């Protein structure tokens, strides 16, 4: 699990590749310790809203100040498109 790599990443703000890789590595560590009851985890600087899809995760990375309900709805739309 910790050696997984993103299949696709899309940013809507200016962010470096190194920063994205750091955020994704942090997500993998956080999700390993999260319970199966949750669909989001938080770090000091970001919120990761996610949904398992077969053997991959669909992940939306946002700020901690974003609206969690809107984030969950956005993730559902993404999941519908991907499936």
N, C-alpha and C. Protein backbone atom coordinates (compact mmCIF):
# COMPACT_ATOMS: atom_id res chain seq x y z
N UNK A 1 0.81 -1.20 0.00
CA UNK A 1 0.00 0.00 0.00
C UNK A 1 0.86 1.26 0.00
N UNK A 2 1.91 1.31 0.77
CA UNK A 2 2.70 2.52 0.87
C UNK A 2 3.52 2.80 -0.39
N UNK A 3 3.59 1.85 -1.29
CA UNK A 3 4.35 2.05 -2.53
C UNK A 3 3.43 2.39 -3.70
N UNK A 4 2.16 2.64 -3.45
CA UNK A 4 1.22 2.99 -4.51
C UNK A 4 1.58 4.34 -5.10
N UNK A 5 1.24 4.52 -6.37
CA UNK A 5 1.48 5.78 -7.05
C UNK A 5 0.17 6.27 -7.65
N UNK A 6 0.02 7.59 -7.77
CA UNK A 6 -1.20 8.12 -8.37
C UNK A 6 -1.32 7.71 -9.84
N UNK A 7 -2.51 7.36 -10.24
CA UNK A 7 -2.77 7.08 -11.65
C UNK A 7 -3.02 8.36 -12.42
N UNK A 8 -3.64 9.33 -11.73
CA UNK A 8 -3.99 10.59 -12.34
C UNK A 8 -4.06 11.65 -11.25
N UNK A 9 -3.57 12.82 -11.53
CA UNK A 9 -3.67 13.94 -10.59
C UNK A 9 -4.06 15.18 -11.37
N UNK A 10 -5.01 15.93 -10.83
CA UNK A 10 -5.46 17.18 -11.48
C UNK A 10 -5.51 18.26 -10.42
N UNK A 11 -4.78 19.33 -10.63
CA UNK A 11 -4.75 20.43 -9.69
C UNK A 11 -5.47 21.63 -10.30
N UNK A 12 -6.21 22.33 -9.46
CA UNK A 12 -6.89 23.54 -9.92
C UNK A 12 -6.23 24.79 -9.35
N UNK A 13 -5.11 24.59 -8.67
CA UNK A 13 -4.29 25.70 -8.16
C UNK A 13 -2.84 25.39 -8.48
N UNK A 14 -2.00 26.41 -8.45
CA UNK A 14 -0.58 26.22 -8.72
C UNK A 14 0.04 25.44 -7.57
N UNK A 15 0.60 24.28 -7.88
CA UNK A 15 1.21 23.42 -6.86
C UNK A 15 2.28 22.57 -7.54
N UNK A 16 3.39 22.39 -6.86
CA UNK A 16 4.50 21.67 -7.47
C UNK A 16 4.28 20.16 -7.41
N UNK A 17 4.97 19.46 -8.28
CA UNK A 17 4.89 18.00 -8.31
C UNK A 17 5.39 17.41 -7.00
N UNK A 18 6.43 18.00 -6.44
CA UNK A 18 6.98 17.52 -5.17
C UNK A 18 5.94 17.65 -4.06
N UNK A 19 5.21 18.76 -4.05
CA UNK A 19 4.16 18.97 -3.03
C UNK A 19 3.06 17.94 -3.19
N UNK A 20 2.63 17.66 -4.41
CA UNK A 20 1.60 16.65 -4.66
C UNK A 20 2.08 15.29 -4.16
N UNK A 21 3.32 14.94 -4.48
CA UNK A 21 3.86 13.65 -4.03
C UNK A 21 3.88 13.57 -2.51
N UNK A 22 4.24 14.67 -1.85
CA UNK A 22 4.24 14.70 -0.39
C UNK A 22 2.85 14.53 0.19
N UNK A 23 1.87 15.19 -0.41
CA UNK A 23 0.49 15.05 0.04
C UNK A 23 -0.02 13.62 -0.14
N UNK A 24 0.31 13.02 -1.28
CA UNK A 24 -0.13 11.65 -1.53
C UNK A 24 0.53 10.66 -0.57
N UNK A 25 1.80 10.85 -0.29
CA UNK A 25 2.48 9.98 0.68
C UNK A 25 1.86 10.13 2.06
N UNK A 26 1.54 11.36 2.44
CA UNK A 26 0.89 11.59 3.73
C UNK A 26 -0.47 10.90 3.77
N UNK A 27 -1.22 10.97 2.66
CA UNK A 27 -2.52 10.31 2.61
C UNK A 27 -2.39 8.82 2.85
N UNK A 28 -1.45 8.18 2.19
CA UNK A 28 -1.29 6.74 2.35
C UNK A 28 -0.99 6.36 3.79
N UNK A 29 -0.18 7.15 4.46
CA UNK A 29 0.13 6.88 5.87
C UNK A 29 -1.10 7.10 6.75
N UNK A 30 -1.85 8.16 6.49
CA UNK A 30 -3.03 8.46 7.29
C UNK A 30 -4.13 7.42 7.11
N UNK A 31 -4.34 6.99 5.89
CA UNK A 31 -5.43 6.05 5.62
C UNK A 31 -5.13 4.66 6.18
N UNK A 32 -3.86 4.33 6.32
CA UNK A 32 -3.50 3.04 6.92
C UNK A 32 -3.97 2.96 8.37
N UNK A 33 -4.01 4.12 9.05
CA UNK A 33 -4.39 4.17 10.46
C UNK A 33 -5.85 4.54 10.66
N UNK A 34 -6.54 4.92 9.62
CA UNK A 34 -7.95 5.32 9.73
C UNK A 34 -8.84 4.10 9.81
N UNK A 35 -9.96 4.26 10.48
CA UNK A 35 -10.93 3.18 10.53
C UNK A 35 -11.73 3.11 9.25
N UNK A 36 -12.36 1.99 9.01
CA UNK A 36 -13.15 1.80 7.79
C UNK A 36 -14.45 2.60 7.82
N UNK A 37 -14.79 3.17 8.98
CA UNK A 37 -16.04 3.92 9.10
C UNK A 37 -15.95 5.33 8.51
N UNK A 38 -14.74 5.80 8.22
CA UNK A 38 -14.57 7.18 7.78
C UNK A 38 -14.22 7.23 6.30
N UNK A 39 -14.62 8.34 5.67
CA UNK A 39 -14.25 8.56 4.27
C UNK A 39 -13.40 9.80 4.12
N UNK A 40 -12.85 10.27 5.24
CA UNK A 40 -11.90 11.38 5.17
C UNK A 40 -10.89 11.27 6.30
N UNK A 41 -9.72 11.82 6.07
CA UNK A 41 -8.68 11.94 7.09
C UNK A 41 -8.08 13.34 6.94
N UNK A 42 -7.46 13.82 8.01
CA UNK A 42 -6.85 15.15 7.98
C UNK A 42 -5.41 15.09 8.45
N UNK A 43 -4.60 15.94 7.86
CA UNK A 43 -3.23 16.17 8.33
C UNK A 43 -3.19 17.58 8.89
N UNK A 44 -2.01 18.07 9.20
CA UNK A 44 -1.90 19.43 9.72
C UNK A 44 -2.33 20.48 8.70
N UNK A 45 -2.16 20.17 7.42
CA UNK A 45 -2.40 21.20 6.40
C UNK A 45 -3.45 20.84 5.35
N UNK A 46 -4.00 19.65 5.38
CA UNK A 46 -4.93 19.25 4.32
C UNK A 46 -5.97 18.27 4.82
N UNK A 47 -7.07 18.22 4.09
CA UNK A 47 -8.11 17.21 4.32
C UNK A 47 -8.15 16.32 3.08
N UNK A 48 -8.21 15.03 3.31
CA UNK A 48 -8.26 14.04 2.25
C UNK A 48 -9.62 13.36 2.31
N UNK A 49 -10.45 13.61 1.33
CA UNK A 49 -11.75 12.95 1.23
C UNK A 49 -11.57 11.84 0.21
N UNK A 50 -11.90 10.61 0.58
CA UNK A 50 -11.56 9.50 -0.30
C UNK A 50 -12.66 8.45 -0.35
N UNK A 51 -12.57 7.64 -1.39
CA UNK A 51 -13.48 6.51 -1.58
C UNK A 51 -12.69 5.37 -2.19
N UNK A 52 -12.70 4.21 -1.56
CA UNK A 52 -12.05 3.05 -2.18
C UNK A 52 -12.83 2.61 -3.42
N UNK A 53 -12.12 2.33 -4.49
CA UNK A 53 -12.71 1.79 -5.72
C UNK A 53 -11.88 0.58 -6.12
N UNK A 54 -12.41 -0.59 -5.89
CA UNK A 54 -11.68 -1.83 -6.14
C UNK A 54 -10.34 -1.81 -5.40
N UNK A 55 -9.23 -1.77 -6.11
CA UNK A 55 -7.92 -1.79 -5.46
C UNK A 55 -7.21 -0.44 -5.50
N UNK A 56 -7.96 0.64 -5.75
CA UNK A 56 -7.39 1.99 -5.75
C UNK A 56 -8.26 2.91 -4.89
N UNK A 57 -7.74 4.07 -4.59
CA UNK A 57 -8.50 5.10 -3.88
C UNK A 57 -8.75 6.28 -4.82
N UNK A 58 -9.95 6.79 -4.77
CA UNK A 58 -10.28 8.06 -5.41
C UNK A 58 -10.16 9.10 -4.30
N UNK A 59 -9.26 10.07 -4.46
CA UNK A 59 -8.94 11.00 -3.38
C UNK A 59 -9.12 12.44 -3.85
N UNK A 60 -9.80 13.22 -3.03
CA UNK A 60 -9.95 14.66 -3.23
C UNK A 60 -9.19 15.33 -2.10
N UNK A 61 -8.17 16.11 -2.42
CA UNK A 61 -7.37 16.79 -1.41
C UNK A 61 -7.80 18.25 -1.37
N UNK A 62 -8.21 18.70 -0.18
CA UNK A 62 -8.69 20.07 -0.02
C UNK A 62 -8.02 20.72 1.18
N UNK A 63 -8.30 21.99 1.36
CA UNK A 63 -7.85 22.66 2.58
C UNK A 63 -8.76 22.23 3.73
N UNK A 64 -8.30 22.44 4.94
CA UNK A 64 -9.11 22.08 6.10
C UNK A 64 -10.28 23.04 6.28
N UNK A 65 -10.27 24.16 5.56
CA UNK A 65 -11.32 25.16 5.68
C UNK A 65 -12.43 24.98 4.64
N UNK A 66 -12.29 24.01 3.76
CA UNK A 66 -13.31 23.80 2.74
C UNK A 66 -14.55 23.18 3.37
N UNK A 67 -15.65 23.24 2.65
CA UNK A 67 -16.92 22.71 3.13
C UNK A 67 -16.93 21.19 2.92
N UNK A 68 -16.91 20.44 4.01
CA UNK A 68 -16.81 18.98 3.93
C UNK A 68 -18.00 18.37 3.20
N UNK A 69 -19.19 18.95 3.37
CA UNK A 69 -20.36 18.41 2.66
C UNK A 69 -20.23 18.58 1.15
N UNK A 70 -19.74 19.74 0.73
CA UNK A 70 -19.51 19.95 -0.71
C UNK A 70 -18.40 19.03 -1.22
N UNK A 71 -17.37 18.83 -0.40
CA UNK A 71 -16.27 17.94 -0.79
C UNK A 71 -16.77 16.51 -0.98
N UNK A 72 -17.61 16.04 -0.07
CA UNK A 72 -18.16 14.68 -0.19
C UNK A 72 -19.03 14.55 -1.44
N UNK A 73 -19.82 15.58 -1.73
CA UNK A 73 -20.66 15.55 -2.93
C UNK A 73 -19.79 15.55 -4.19
N UNK A 74 -18.74 16.34 -4.21
CA UNK A 74 -17.82 16.37 -5.35
C UNK A 74 -17.19 15.00 -5.55
N UNK A 75 -16.78 14.37 -4.46
CA UNK A 75 -16.19 13.03 -4.56
C UNK A 75 -17.19 12.03 -5.12
N UNK A 76 -18.45 12.12 -4.71
CA UNK A 76 -19.48 11.22 -5.25
C UNK A 76 -19.63 11.40 -6.75
N UNK A 77 -19.60 12.65 -7.20
CA UNK A 77 -19.70 12.92 -8.65
C UNK A 77 -18.50 12.32 -9.37
N UNK A 78 -17.30 12.53 -8.84
CA UNK A 78 -16.10 11.94 -9.45
C UNK A 78 -16.21 10.42 -9.51
N UNK A 79 -16.68 9.81 -8.43
CA UNK A 79 -16.80 8.35 -8.38
C UNK A 79 -17.79 7.86 -9.43
N UNK A 80 -18.88 8.58 -9.61
CA UNK A 80 -19.87 8.20 -10.62
C UNK A 80 -19.26 8.26 -12.02
N UNK A 81 -18.48 9.28 -12.28
CA UNK A 81 -17.83 9.43 -13.59
C UNK A 81 -16.81 8.32 -13.82
N UNK A 82 -16.02 8.00 -12.81
CA UNK A 82 -14.96 7.00 -12.94
C UNK A 82 -15.53 5.60 -13.11
N UNK A 83 -16.60 5.32 -12.40
CA UNK A 83 -17.17 3.96 -12.47
C UNK A 83 -17.93 3.84 -13.74
